[in-house]
């Protein structure tokens, strides 16, 4: 039987997702607006930071961290249930 997430725990999960998603959007915008090196002769036309492959790699690494957290959660639940990985139900 699956346990439902309710109350304060649900609100904390939702708030965490909202804050991390907002932070991700703001940080990516800041990265895109970051000025790179200036040419010594032309300081009026800065070169902006443009490395979408690096941004993608950073975001993918964050997703891998979520996968790791999910794996740890599964392992902790497996230890609670026992080494078999399932709950035996007695039948009469």
C-alpha atoms as a PDB file:
ATOM      1  CA  UNK A   1       0.000   0.000   0.000  1.00  0.00           C
ATOM      2  CA  UNK A   2       1.375   3.363  -0.995  1.00  0.00           C
ATOM      3  CA  UNK A   3       1.560   6.121   1.587  1.00  0.00           C
ATOM      4  CA  UNK A   4      -0.056   9.451   0.617  1.00  0.00           C
ATOM      5  CA  UNK A   5       1.841  12.673   1.151  1.00  0.00           C
ATOM      6  CA  UNK A   6      -0.366  15.209   2.925  1.00  0.00           C
ATOM      7  CA  UNK A   7      -0.200  18.295   5.097  1.00  0.00           C
ATOM      8  CA  UNK A   8       3.018  20.094   5.917  1.00  0.00           C
ATOM      9  CA  UNK A   9       5.167  17.527   4.082  1.00  0.00           C
ATOM     10  CA  UNK A  10       3.294  18.134   0.823  1.00  0.00           C
ATOM     11  CA  UNK A  11       3.546  21.903   1.236  1.00  0.00           C
ATOM     12  CA  UNK A  12       7.307  21.639   1.878  1.00  0.00           C
ATOM     13  CA  UNK A  13       7.822  19.546  -1.262  1.00  0.00           C
ATOM     14  CA  UNK A  14       5.791  21.978  -3.357  1.00  0.00           C
ATOM     15  CA  UNK A  15       7.616  24.985  -1.889  1.00  0.00           C
ATOM     16  CA  UNK A  16      10.993  23.334  -2.515  1.00  0.00           C
ATOM     17  CA  UNK A  17      10.116  22.646  -6.149  1.00  0.00           C
ATOM     18  CA  UNK A  18       8.893  26.217  -6.619  1.00  0.00           C
ATOM     19  CA  UNK A  19      12.027  27.749  -5.089  1.00  0.00           C
ATOM     20  CA  UNK A  20      14.490  25.534  -6.975  1.00  0.00           C
ATOM     21  CA  UNK A  21      12.673  26.082 -10.282  1.00  0.00           C
ATOM     22  CA  UNK A  22      12.622  29.839  -9.749  1.00  0.00           C
ATOM     23  CA  UNK A  23      16.276  29.837  -8.728  1.00  0.00           C
ATOM     24  CA  UNK A  24      17.204  27.833 -11.809  1.00  0.00           C
ATOM     25  CA  UNK A  25      15.453  30.305 -14.119  1.00  0.00           C
ATOM     26  CA  UNK A  26      17.015  33.341 -12.449  1.00  0.00           C
ATOM     27  CA  UNK A  27      20.532  31.846 -12.440  1.00  0.00           C
ATOM     28  CA  UNK A  28      20.320  30.931 -16.131  1.00  0.00           C
ATOM     29  CA  UNK A  29      19.201  34.497 -16.932  1.00  0.00           C
ATOM     30  CA  UNK A  30      22.100  35.921 -14.908  1.00  0.00           C
ATOM     31  CA  UNK A  31      24.527  33.638 -16.758  1.00  0.00           C
ATOM     32  CA  UNK A  32      23.197  34.836 -20.107  1.00  0.00           C
ATOM     33  CA  UNK A  33      23.623  38.490 -19.079  1.00  0.00           C
ATOM     34  CA  UNK A  34      27.187  38.036 -17.784  1.00  0.00           C
ATOM     35  CA  UNK A  35      29.711  40.009 -19.777  1.00  0.00           C
ATOM     36  CA  UNK A  36      32.837  38.238 -20.898  1.00  0.00           C
ATOM     37  CA  UNK A  37      36.199  39.663 -21.836  1.00  0.00           C
ATOM     38  CA  UNK A  38      36.270  43.065 -23.506  1.00  0.00           C
ATOM     39  CA  UNK A  39      38.420  43.867 -26.466  1.00  0.00           C
ATOM     40  CA  UNK A  40      40.898  46.501 -25.305  1.00  0.00           C
ATOM     41  CA  UNK A  41      39.876  48.800 -28.144  1.00  0.00           C
ATOM     42  CA  UNK A  42      36.081  48.290 -27.912  1.00  0.00           C
ATOM     43  CA  UNK A  43      34.624  48.568 -24.414  1.00  0.00           C
ATOM     44  CA  UNK A  44      31.159  49.625 -25.634  1.00  0.00           C
ATOM     45  CA  UNK A  45      30.340  46.236 -27.190  1.00  0.00           C
ATOM     46  CA  UNK A  46      30.867  43.565 -24.543  1.00  0.00           C
ATOM     47  CA  UNK A  47      30.845  39.878 -25.400  1.00  0.00           C
ATOM     48  CA  UNK A  48      28.179  38.036 -23.433  1.00  0.00           C
ATOM     49  CA  UNK A  49      28.632  34.596 -21.951  1.00  0.00           C
ATOM     50  CA  UNK A  50      27.179  32.145 -24.483  1.00  0.00           C
ATOM     51  CA  UNK A  51      27.768  28.517 -23.590  1.00  0.00           C
ATOM     52  CA  UNK A  52      24.437  26.654 -23.849  1.00  0.00           C
ATOM     53  CA  UNK A  53      26.194  23.282 -23.756  1.00  0.00           C
ATOM     54  CA  UNK A  54      27.656  24.110 -20.335  1.00  0.00           C
ATOM     55  CA  UNK A  55      24.267  25.312 -19.055  1.00  0.00           C
ATOM     56  CA  UNK A  56      22.724  22.067 -20.294  1.00  0.00           C
ATOM     57  CA  UNK A  57      25.442  20.036 -18.544  1.00  0.00           C
ATOM     58  CA  UNK A  58      24.861  21.903 -15.272  1.00  0.00           C
ATOM     59  CA  UNK A  59      21.110  21.292 -15.463  1.00  0.00           C
ATOM     60  CA  UNK A  60      21.657  17.614 -16.306  1.00  0.00           C
ATOM     61  CA  UNK A  61      23.958  17.268 -13.295  1.00  0.00           C
ATOM     62  CA  UNK A  62      21.175  18.697 -11.112  1.00  0.00           C
ATOM     63  CA  UNK A  63      18.775  16.100 -12.505  1.00  0.00           C
ATOM     64  CA  UNK A  64      21.295  13.365 -11.691  1.00  0.00           C
ATOM     65  CA  UNK A  65      21.392  14.620  -8.104  1.00  0.00           C
ATOM     66  CA  UNK A  66      17.615  14.169  -7.956  1.00  0.00           C
ATOM     67  CA  UNK A  67      18.022  10.625  -9.255  1.00  0.00           C
ATOM     68  CA  UNK A  68      20.573   9.949  -6.522  1.00  0.00           C
ATOM     69  CA  UNK A  69      18.196  11.269  -3.852  1.00  0.00           C
ATOM     70  CA  UNK A  70      15.456   9.023  -5.227  1.00  0.00           C
ATOM     71  CA  UNK A  71      17.801   6.021  -5.088  1.00  0.00           C
ATOM     72  CA  UNK A  72      18.690   6.761  -1.464  1.00  0.00           C
ATOM     73  CA  UNK A  73      14.976   6.996  -0.634  1.00  0.00           C
ATOM     74  CA  UNK A  74      14.333   3.612  -2.256  1.00  0.00           C
ATOM     75  CA  UNK A  75      17.221   2.015  -0.353  1.00  0.00           C
ATOM     76  CA  UNK A  76      15.983   3.402   2.976  1.00  0.00           C
ATOM     77  CA  UNK A  77      12.468   2.086   2.285  1.00  0.00           C
ATOM     78  CA  UNK A  78      13.893  -1.301   1.327  1.00  0.00           C
ATOM     79  CA  UNK A  79      15.766  -1.482   4.635  1.00  0.00           C
ATOM     80  CA  UNK A  80      12.564  -0.630   6.531  1.00  0.00           C
ATOM     81  CA  UNK A  81      10.662  -3.429   4.809  1.00  0.00           C
ATOM     82  CA  UNK A  82      13.481  -5.931   5.074  1.00  0.00           C
ATOM     83  CA  UNK A  83      16.039  -7.477   2.798  1.00  0.00           C
ATOM     84  CA  UNK A  84      13.441  -9.075   0.507  1.00  0.00           C
ATOM     85  CA  UNK A  85      12.275  -5.742  -0.887  1.00  0.00           C
ATOM     86  CA  UNK A  86       8.611  -6.476  -0.351  1.00  0.00           C
ATOM     87  CA  UNK A  87       6.096  -6.980   2.443  1.00  0.00           C
ATOM     88  CA  UNK A  88       4.763 -10.473   2.960  1.00  0.00           C
ATOM     89  CA  UNK A  89       0.996 -10.596   3.456  1.00  0.00           C
ATOM     90  CA  UNK A  90      -0.381 -13.425   5.484  1.00  0.00           C
ATOM     91  CA  UNK A  91      -3.300 -15.187   3.885  1.00  0.00           C
ATOM     92  CA  UNK A  92      -5.703 -17.395   5.744  1.00  0.00           C
END
